[in-house]
Amino acid sequence: MNFSDLGLEPELLRAVADKGYDTPTPIQAQAIPAVLSGRDVLAGAQTGTGKTAGFVLPLLQKLGKAAGRAPRVLVLSPTRELTAQIADSARAYGRYKDLRTLVIFGGVSERPQIDGLRSGCDLLVATPGRLLDLVEQRYADLSQVQHLVLDEADRMLDMGFIHAIKRIVKLLPQQRQNLMFSATYSEDIRALASRMLRDPVSVEVAARNTTAERVDQVAFRVTKEDKRHLLVHLFNTGATGEGSWHQALVFTRTKHGANRLAQQLEGAGIRAAAIHGNKSQAARVRALEDFKTGRIAALVATEVASRGLDIKELPQVVNYELPNVPEDYVHRIGRTARAGATGRAVSLVAPDEAGLLRDIERTMRQSVPVLPTPAFERRVPAGPPDRGPERGFNRPNASPPNRGGSAPRPAGPGGRPVSQSRRFGPSRRSRSAS
């Protein structure tokens, strides 16, 4: 099947060809005809399946040409990064059509967004919080919305946007097309779908709560204190001795932990940056761009980056700390093995995280192989003590000092490889804050 078989108009087919695509992904093949038919859609798909084009392309066709100032398509998404990427896709696919796309999210000045709303747009992509702020200030008019899209709906609920979403929906016309995309189907998602969707077409291209088969998942047993030493060893030698890593997305649970680990990696000679919700939008964009272009090797992130980051050919994802929610593991490792590529997910499992790993395996209905922990040297600076989410350290725009990226010094006469052989003790769930 080709895109030309899906009923798309020539202008859109030309834009798709410009991006080098000719064969639709399974979610695109099913969602595009359903959206073009005018039906409501409930779609379940993991990240990296091409779902953005699955709703952007048919909605651009249904919009036709520019008309009026108020948006006719509203796309809600959970994060700044995902919102910006959806808008970029809409502009790229709509390059041969007379349509206007506007993006709205927090963390930046409202003024350019207000000016954009005044100038008018056909397709509006927004995070719920900032959009609601502008609606309440009477800058955003949602009275002409004909198509509503909730992208990453499960993530929006996890982030506490449900009340903002309900308030926004009340402002929309009753007669509209509703599209909901979600990687998982919790009871809350099903309840929201039952309230919003009318006789929806159900599209699901991946088994619930499973990961891409192309992700090679492995785990290492290691104490909490030795995780940073093992991580540096993995960057220098690879998970199975295949060679040094040039790029890895590393997940921590807390913002402070992300800042501290990025500083520790810098001190060990590995170029790194942290990205999380307390970083300004400019800092987040800069860190992501440095990561994509290879200026840094490690991007240390909290859950804010587990979705919405479009990083092509990302070879490694590292769970420096396992998430408390098994589904978040699925979203994290979904950053690799995208668009047909292969990738690896490496988890560093401390004794008190053994229960979390078992929960993840039960959720995925598959085991994660635990490899023998390689010998490594303890030589990574400890960094600042973990004092928790203190205001002074976790203030917006705060970032760890740059250590200069010097190469690590070889171990002295007293330094010797350390092999991990201790057994896990009784497991208990971590209570760290996300």
Protein backbone atom coordinates (compact mmCIF):
# COMPACT_ATOMS: atom_id res chain seq x y z
CA MET A 1 0.00 0.00 0.00
CA ASN A 2 1.14 3.51 -0.86
CA PHE A 3 0.00 6.90 0.46
CA SER A 4 -1.70 7.43 -2.89
CA ASP A 5 -4.07 4.56 -2.01
CA LEU A 6 -5.42 6.37 1.08
CA GLY A 7 -7.43 9.06 -0.69
CA LEU A 8 -5.07 11.97 0.01
CA GLU A 9 -5.03 14.94 -2.33
CA PRO A 10 -2.05 15.72 -4.63
CA GLU A 11 -0.73 18.62 -2.51
CA LEU A 12 -0.38 16.34 0.51
CA LEU A 13 1.09 13.46 -1.49
CA ARG A 14 3.70 15.86 -2.85
CA ALA A 15 4.63 16.99 0.69
CA VAL A 16 4.84 13.37 1.86
CA ALA A 17 7.13 12.55 -1.06
CA ASP A 18 9.31 15.55 -0.17
CA LYS A 19 9.92 13.94 3.23
CA GLY A 20 10.98 10.71 1.54
CA TYR A 21 7.97 8.60 2.54
CA ASP A 22 6.04 6.36 0.16
CA THR A 23 4.60 3.56 2.31
CA PRO A 24 2.32 4.38 5.25
CA THR A 25 2.86 2.80 8.65
CA PRO A 26 0.08 0.54 10.01
CA ILE A 27 -1.40 3.33 12.16
CA GLN A 28 -1.38 5.70 9.19
CA ALA A 29 -2.98 3.12 6.89
CA GLN A 30 -5.85 2.64 9.34
CA ALA A 31 -6.27 6.12 10.82
CA ILE A 32 -6.12 8.27 7.68
CA PRO A 33 -9.20 6.74 5.96
CA ALA A 34 -11.10 6.77 9.26
CA VAL A 35 -10.38 10.46 9.85
CA LEU A 36 -11.23 11.34 6.25
CA SER A 37 -14.60 9.62 6.70
CA GLY A 38 -15.50 12.07 9.46
CA ARG A 39 -15.85 9.40 12.17
CA ASP A 40 -14.52 9.82 15.70
CA VAL A 41 -11.38 7.73 16.25
CA LEU A 42 -9.88 6.01 19.29
CA ALA A 43 -6.36 4.95 18.37
CA GLY A 44 -3.89 2.94 20.43
CA ALA A 45 -0.29 3.08 19.25
CA GLN A 46 3.13 3.13 20.85
CA THR A 47 5.50 6.02 20.26
CA GLY A 48 7.48 5.95 17.05
CA THR A 49 4.66 4.49 14.95
CA GLY A 50 4.02 7.58 12.83
CA LYS A 51 0.72 8.48 14.47
CA THR A 52 1.24 12.25 14.05
CA ALA A 53 0.93 11.96 10.27
CA GLY A 54 -2.02 9.66 10.89
CA PHE A 55 -4.13 12.60 12.00
CA VAL A 56 -2.30 15.63 10.57
CA LEU A 57 -2.56 14.57 6.92
CA PRO A 58 -6.31 13.86 6.80
CA LEU A 59 -7.15 16.95 8.90
CA LEU A 60 -5.16 19.19 6.57
CA GLN A 61 -7.21 17.78 3.70
CA LYS A 62 -10.51 18.34 5.53
CA LEU A 63 -9.55 21.96 6.27
CA GLY A 64 -9.25 22.85 2.61
CA LYS A 65 -8.02 26.46 2.50
CA ALA A 66 -7.54 29.20 5.08
CA ALA A 67 -10.78 30.66 6.39
CA GLY A 68 -11.34 33.24 9.13
CA ARG A 69 -9.18 33.89 12.17
CA ALA A 70 -10.41 31.30 14.70
CA PRO A 71 -8.86 27.80 14.55
CA ARG A 72 -10.89 24.97 13.07
CA VAL A 73 -8.57 22.19 14.25
CA LEU A 74 -7.38 22.00 17.85
CA VAL A 75 -4.64 19.53 18.83
CA LEU A 76 -3.88 19.15 22.55
CA SER A 77 -0.65 17.49 23.65
CA PRO A 78 1.11 17.11 27.02
CA THR A 79 4.59 18.61 26.52
CA ARG A 80 6.25 21.57 24.87
CA GLU A 81 8.50 19.31 22.79
CA LEU A 82 5.67 17.20 21.41
CA THR A 83 3.53 20.27 20.74
CA ALA A 84 6.32 21.91 18.75
CA GLN A 85 6.96 18.72 16.77
CA ILE A 86 3.29 18.30 15.83
CA ALA A 87 3.23 21.90 14.60
CA ASP A 88 6.40 21.34 12.59
CA SER A 89 4.84 18.26 10.99
CA ALA A 90 1.66 20.19 10.15
CA ARG A 91 3.69 22.93 8.47
CA ALA A 92 5.79 20.41 6.54
CA TYR A 93 2.82 18.39 5.30
CA GLY A 94 0.81 21.52 4.57
CA ARG A 95 3.55 23.36 2.70
CA TYR A 96 1.61 23.25 -0.58
CA LYS A 97 -1.69 24.31 0.96
CA ASP A 98 -2.94 27.75 1.97
CA LEU A 99 -3.23 26.97 5.69
CA ARG A 100 -1.90 28.55 8.88
CA THR A 101 -0.55 26.58 11.85
CA LEU A 102 0.06 28.10 15.28
CA VAL A 103 1.74 26.51 18.30
CA ILE A 104 1.07 27.49 21.93
CA PHE A 105 2.83 26.22 25.07
CA GLY A 106 4.11 27.50 28.39
CA GLY A 107 7.63 28.40 29.45
CA VAL A 108 7.94 31.19 26.87
CA SER A 109 6.48 34.67 26.45
CA GLU A 110 2.76 34.89 25.75
CA ARG A 111 3.09 37.94 23.48
CA PRO A 112 4.11 36.18 20.21
CA GLN A 113 1.37 33.60 20.79
CA ILE A 114 -1.23 36.32 21.38
CA ASP A 115 -0.10 38.07 18.20
CA GLY A 116 -0.43 34.76 16.32
CA LEU A 117 -3.97 34.26 17.60
CA ARG A 118 -4.88 37.79 16.52
CA SER A 119 -3.46 37.16 13.05
CA GLY A 120 -5.49 33.98 12.79
CA CYS A 121 -4.77 30.29 12.28
CA ASP A 122 -6.50 27.22 10.88
CA LEU A 123 -4.75 24.57 12.96
CA LEU A 124 -3.83 25.25 16.59
CA VAL A 125 -1.49 22.92 18.51
CA ALA A 126 -1.35 23.63 22.23
CA THR A 127 -0.62 22.38 25.72
CA PRO A 128 -3.79 22.55 27.85
CA GLY A 129 -2.50 24.88 30.57
CA ARG A 130 -1.24 27.73 28.39
CA LEU A 131 -4.24 27.47 26.07
CA LEU A 132 -6.64 27.76 28.99
CA ASP A 133 -4.75 30.81 30.25
CA LEU A 134 -5.15 32.55 26.87
CA VAL A 135 -8.81 31.53 26.63
CA GLU A 136 -9.52 33.04 30.03
CA GLN A 137 -7.78 36.24 28.93
CA ARG A 138 -10.09 36.24 25.87
CA TYR A 139 -7.23 35.97 23.39
CA ALA A 140 -8.14 32.49 22.09
CA ASP A 141 -11.49 31.84 20.39
CA LEU A 142 -12.43 28.15 20.25
CA SER A 143 -15.96 28.62 18.97
CA GLN A 144 -15.12 27.49 15.42
CA VAL A 145 -13.28 24.24 16.23
CA GLN A 146 -14.55 21.43 14.01
CA HIS A 147 -11.91 18.79 14.84
CA LEU A 148 -10.39 18.04 18.26
CA VAL A 149 -7.33 15.83 18.72
CA LEU A 150 -6.07 14.57 22.08
CA ASP A 151 -2.56 13.25 21.44
CA GLU A 152 -0.79 11.21 24.12
CA ALA A 153 -4.05 11.29 26.08
CA ASP A 154 -2.78 8.88 28.73
CA ARG A 155 0.23 11.09 29.37
CA MET A 156 -1.96 14.18 29.71
CA LEU A 157 -4.01 12.40 32.36
CA ASP A 158 -0.85 11.29 34.14
CA MET A 159 0.34 14.91 34.22
CA GLY A 160 -2.90 16.14 35.77
CA PHE A 161 -4.39 17.90 32.73
CA ILE A 162 -7.79 16.23 32.98
CA HIS A 163 -9.52 19.25 34.54
CA ALA A 164 -8.03 21.67 32.00
CA ILE A 165 -9.09 19.34 29.18
CA LYS A 166 -12.66 19.18 30.49
CA ARG A 167 -12.84 22.97 30.72
CA ILE A 168 -11.53 23.36 27.17
CA VAL A 169 -13.96 20.78 25.79
CA LYS A 170 -16.90 22.69 27.29
CA LEU A 171 -15.88 25.70 25.20
CA LEU A 172 -16.01 23.79 21.90
CA PRO A 173 -18.99 23.38 19.57
CA GLN A 174 -21.03 20.25 20.27
CA GLN A 175 -20.84 19.15 16.64
CA ARG A 176 -17.21 18.25 15.96
CA GLN A 177 -14.97 15.31 15.10
CA ASN A 178 -12.98 13.90 18.03
CA LEU A 179 -9.74 11.94 17.72
CA MET A 180 -7.97 10.38 20.72
CA PHE A 181 -4.52 8.81 20.55
CA SER A 182 -3.12 6.92 23.52
CA ALA A 183 -0.30 4.43 24.07
CA THR A 184 -2.17 2.70 26.91
CA TYR A 185 -5.81 2.15 27.85
CA SER A 186 -6.28 2.76 31.55
CA GLU A 187 -9.71 2.97 33.17
CA ASP A 188 -9.39 6.77 33.18
CA ILE A 189 -8.69 6.78 29.44
CA ARG A 190 -11.69 4.56 28.77
CA ALA A 191 -13.89 6.84 30.88
CA LEU A 192 -12.67 9.94 29.02
CA ALA A 193 -13.21 8.23 25.66
CA SER A 194 -16.76 7.23 26.59
CA ARG A 195 -17.60 10.86 27.43
CA MET A 196 -15.95 12.47 24.41
CA LEU A 197 -16.17 10.06 21.49
CA ARG A 198 -19.31 9.25 19.54
CA ASP A 199 -19.39 5.73 18.05
CA PRO A 200 -15.64 5.82 17.41
CA VAL A 201 -13.64 3.76 14.98
CA SER A 202 -11.14 1.77 17.06
CA VAL A 203 -7.61 1.53 15.71
CA GLU A 204 -4.91 -0.38 17.54
CA VAL A 205 -1.65 -1.41 15.92
CA ALA A 206 0.31 -2.73 18.90
CA ALA A 207 -0.58 -4.93 21.82
CA ARG A 208 -1.30 -2.90 24.92
CA ASN A 209 1.61 -2.13 27.21
CA THR A 210 4.15 -3.88 24.99
CA THR A 211 7.37 -2.43 23.59
CA ALA A 212 8.72 -2.40 20.08
CA GLU A 213 10.12 -5.81 19.22
CA ARG A 214 13.21 -4.16 17.78
CA VAL A 215 14.35 -2.89 21.21
CA ASP A 216 17.07 -5.09 22.73
CA GLN A 217 16.38 -4.88 26.47
CA VAL A 218 18.99 -5.78 29.06
CA ALA A 219 19.55 -5.08 32.76
CA PHE A 220 22.51 -5.01 35.14
CA ARG A 221 22.40 -5.52 38.89
CA VAL A 222 24.28 -2.77 40.70
CA THR A 223 24.09 -0.93 44.00
CA LYS A 224 22.68 2.58 44.04
CA GLU A 225 26.08 3.99 45.04
CA ASP A 226 27.86 2.30 42.12
CA LYS A 227 25.40 3.22 39.36
CA ARG A 228 27.33 6.28 38.21
CA HIS A 229 30.57 4.26 37.99
CA LEU A 230 28.91 1.52 35.92
CA LEU A 231 27.26 4.08 33.66
CA VAL A 232 30.60 5.69 32.83
CA HIS A 233 32.04 2.23 32.15
CA LEU A 234 29.16 1.53 29.74
CA PHE A 235 29.74 4.82 27.93
CA ASN A 236 33.40 3.91 27.51
CA THR A 237 33.04 0.25 26.55
CA GLY A 238 29.40 -0.46 25.62
CA ALA A 239 26.92 -2.78 27.29
CA THR A 240 28.50 -5.91 25.82
CA GLY A 241 31.97 -4.62 25.03
CA GLU A 242 30.97 -3.53 21.53
CA GLY A 243 32.65 -0.12 21.83
CA SER A 244 32.01 3.30 23.32
CA TRP A 245 28.61 4.97 23.15
CA HIS A 246 28.35 8.20 21.21
CA GLN A 247 24.75 8.93 22.20
CA ALA A 248 22.44 7.79 25.00
CA LEU A 249 19.26 9.15 26.56
CA VAL A 250 19.49 8.54 30.33
CA PHE A 251 16.42 8.62 32.58
CA THR A 252 16.32 9.56 36.25
CA ARG A 253 13.29 9.92 38.53
CA THR A 254 13.89 13.45 39.83
CA LYS A 255 14.96 16.81 38.49
CA HIS A 256 17.68 17.13 41.11
CA GLY A 257 18.92 13.65 40.25
CA ALA A 258 19.12 14.59 36.55
CA ASN A 259 21.15 17.71 37.34
CA ARG A 260 23.48 15.79 39.66
CA LEU A 261 24.06 12.91 37.22
CA ALA A 262 24.77 15.30 34.32
CA GLN A 263 27.39 17.00 36.49
CA GLN A 264 28.92 13.66 37.47
CA LEU A 265 29.17 12.56 33.84
CA GLU A 266 30.82 15.86 32.93
CA GLY A 267 33.33 15.31 35.73
CA ALA A 268 34.13 11.90 34.23
CA GLY A 269 34.80 13.38 30.79
CA ILE A 270 31.43 12.57 29.18
CA ARG A 271 29.71 15.58 27.68
CA ALA A 272 26.22 15.74 29.20
CA ALA A 273 23.21 17.98 29.79
CA ALA A 274 20.02 17.67 31.83
CA ILE A 275 16.50 18.25 30.56
CA HIS A 276 13.43 18.44 32.82
CA GLY A 277 10.40 20.53 33.70
CA ASN A 278 12.30 23.16 35.69
CA LYS A 279 14.49 24.04 32.73
CA SER A 280 13.44 27.00 30.62
CA GLN A 281 12.16 26.26 27.15
CA ALA A 282 15.29 27.82 25.66
CA ALA A 283 17.52 25.59 27.80
CA ARG A 284 15.53 22.49 26.87
CA VAL A 285 15.69 23.30 23.15
CA ARG A 286 19.43 23.97 23.38
CA ALA A 287 20.14 20.72 25.23
CA LEU A 288 18.09 18.70 22.76
CA GLU A 289 19.78 20.35 19.77
CA ASP A 290 23.25 19.72 21.27
CA PHE A 291 22.27 16.07 21.75
CA LYS A 292 20.94 15.64 18.23
CA THR A 293 24.03 17.21 16.67
CA GLY A 294 26.47 15.19 18.78
CA ARG A 295 27.88 18.05 20.84
CA ILE A 296 26.89 16.10 23.95
CA ALA A 297 26.82 12.32 24.35
CA ALA A 298 24.41 12.00 27.28
CA LEU A 299 21.03 13.68 27.63
CA VAL A 300 19.86 13.10 31.21
CA ALA A 301 16.10 13.41 31.45
CA THR A 302 13.15 13.00 33.76
CA GLU A 303 9.77 11.67 32.68
CA VAL A 304 9.10 14.95 30.82
CA ALA A 305 11.25 13.60 27.98
CA SER A 306 9.84 10.09 27.87
CA ARG A 307 7.39 11.21 25.19
CA GLY A 308 7.46 13.82 22.52
CA LEU A 309 11.19 13.73 21.78
CA ASP A 310 11.83 12.98 18.13
CA ILE A 311 15.45 11.78 17.98
CA LYS A 312 16.26 9.84 14.85
CA GLU A 313 18.49 6.78 15.15
CA LEU A 314 18.88 6.99 18.93
CA PRO A 315 20.95 3.87 19.72
CA GLN A 316 20.63 3.67 23.53
CA VAL A 317 18.14 4.47 26.26
CA VAL A 318 19.34 3.98 29.82
CA ASN A 319 17.08 3.61 32.83
CA TYR A 320 19.49 4.94 35.44
CA GLU A 321 16.57 4.59 37.85
CA LEU A 322 13.55 2.43 37.07
CA PRO A 323 10.22 4.27 36.95
CA ASN A 324 7.60 3.62 39.60
CA VAL A 325 4.91 3.11 36.93
CA PRO A 326 5.58 0.18 34.54
CA GLU A 327 3.93 1.95 31.60
CA ASP A 328 6.49 4.76 31.91
CA TYR A 329 9.20 2.19 31.17
CA VAL A 330 7.46 1.43 27.89
CA HIS A 331 7.34 5.11 26.97
CA ARG A 332 10.96 5.65 27.93
CA ILE A 333 12.43 2.86 25.83
CA GLY A 334 10.10 3.79 22.98
CA ARG A 335 12.49 6.68 22.30
CA THR A 336 14.79 4.18 20.55
CA ALA A 337 14.05 1.73 17.71
CA ARG A 338 11.87 4.26 15.91
CA ALA A 339 10.85 4.26 12.26
CA GLY A 340 12.15 0.75 11.60
CA ALA A 341 15.52 1.19 13.30
CA THR A 342 16.91 -1.00 16.05
CA GLY A 343 17.94 0.12 19.51
CA ARG A 344 18.89 -0.96 23.00
CA ALA A 345 17.41 -0.26 26.42
CA VAL A 346 19.75 -0.72 29.37
CA SER A 347 18.42 -0.69 32.95
CA LEU A 348 20.58 -0.29 36.05
CA VAL A 349 18.71 -2.13 38.78
CA ALA A 350 19.54 -1.54 42.45
CA PRO A 351 18.46 -4.09 45.09
CA ASP A 352 15.43 -2.02 46.12
CA GLU A 353 14.30 -1.81 42.47
CA ALA A 354 13.97 -5.57 41.94
CA GLY A 355 10.23 -5.37 42.58
CA LEU A 356 9.87 -2.58 40.04
CA LEU A 357 11.59 -4.72 37.41
CA ARG A 358 9.23 -7.62 38.14
CA ASP A 359 6.24 -5.26 37.74
CA ILE A 360 7.60 -4.09 34.39
CA GLU A 361 8.08 -7.66 33.18
CA ARG A 362 4.54 -8.62 34.22
CA THR A 363 3.12 -5.57 32.45
CA MET A 364 5.03 -6.30 29.24
CA ARG A 365 4.48 -10.05 29.57
CA GLN A 366 8.12 -10.64 28.80
CA SER A 367 11.33 -10.89 30.79
CA VAL A 368 14.26 -8.48 30.65
CA PRO A 369 17.56 -10.42 30.48
CA VAL A 370 19.91 -9.65 33.37
CA LEU A 371 23.50 -9.72 32.12
CA PRO A 372 26.58 -10.32 34.28
CA THR A 373 27.68 -6.95 35.62
CA PRO A 374 31.07 -6.05 34.11
CA ALA A 375 34.03 -5.03 36.23
CA PHE A 376 34.34 -1.26 36.54
CA GLU A 377 36.40 1.30 38.40
CA ARG A 378 35.03 3.62 41.06
CA ARG A 379 36.39 6.98 39.94
CA VAL A 380 33.39 9.22 39.21
CA PRO A 381 33.03 12.38 41.36
CA ALA A 382 30.11 12.16 43.76
CA GLY A 383 28.72 15.56 42.81
CA PRO A 384 26.41 17.51 45.11
CA PRO A 385 24.64 15.51 47.83
CA ASP A 386 21.08 14.45 47.08
CA ARG A 387 19.15 16.85 49.28
CA GLY A 388 15.87 16.37 47.47
CA PRO A 389 13.93 19.01 45.53
CA GLU A 390 15.42 22.11 47.17
CA ARG A 391 14.33 25.45 45.80
CA GLY A 392 17.83 26.81 45.39
CA PHE A 393 19.01 23.96 43.17
CA ASN A 394 15.82 23.16 41.31
CA ARG A 395 14.90 26.71 40.44
CA PRO A 396 13.91 27.26 36.78
CA ASN A 397 16.89 27.64 34.43
CA ALA A 398 19.28 26.14 36.97
CA SER A 399 21.88 23.92 35.38
CA PRO A 400 24.91 22.00 36.64
CA PRO A 401 28.35 23.58 36.28
CA ASN A 402 30.41 22.56 33.28
CA ARG A 403 33.45 20.52 34.19
CA GLY A 404 35.09 21.17 30.87
CA GLY A 405 34.75 17.67 29.46
CA SER A 406 38.30 16.58 30.23
CA ALA A 407 39.10 12.91 29.82
CA PRO A 408 38.96 10.75 32.96
CA ARG A 409 42.32 10.10 34.64
CA PRO A 410 43.48 6.47 34.74
CA ALA A 411 43.13 4.75 38.10
CA GLY A 412 46.11 5.07 40.43
CA PRO A 413 48.03 2.21 41.97
CA GLY A 414 45.28 1.69 44.49
CA GLY A 415 42.49 1.62 41.90
CA ARG A 416 41.36 -1.84 40.86
CA PRO A 417 38.37 -3.16 38.90
CA VAL A 418 35.35 -3.92 41.00
CA SER A 419 33.08 -6.84 40.18
CA GLN A 420 29.49 -6.81 41.35
CA SER A 421 28.56 -10.11 42.94
CA ARG A 422 26.35 -9.29 45.92
CA ARG A 423 22.83 -10.69 45.89
CA PHE A 424 19.66 -8.67 45.96
CA GLY A 425 18.11 -8.17 49.33
CA PRO A 426 14.35 -7.99 49.95
CA SER A 427 12.75 -5.76 47.32
CA ARG A 428 10.74 -2.72 48.15
CA ARG A 429 9.16 -0.06 46.02
CA SER A 430 11.06 3.19 45.75
CA ARG A 431 9.18 6.21 47.01
CA SER A 432 11.18 8.78 45.07
CA ALA A 433 9.15 11.59 43.57
CA SER A 434 8.80 11.71 39.81
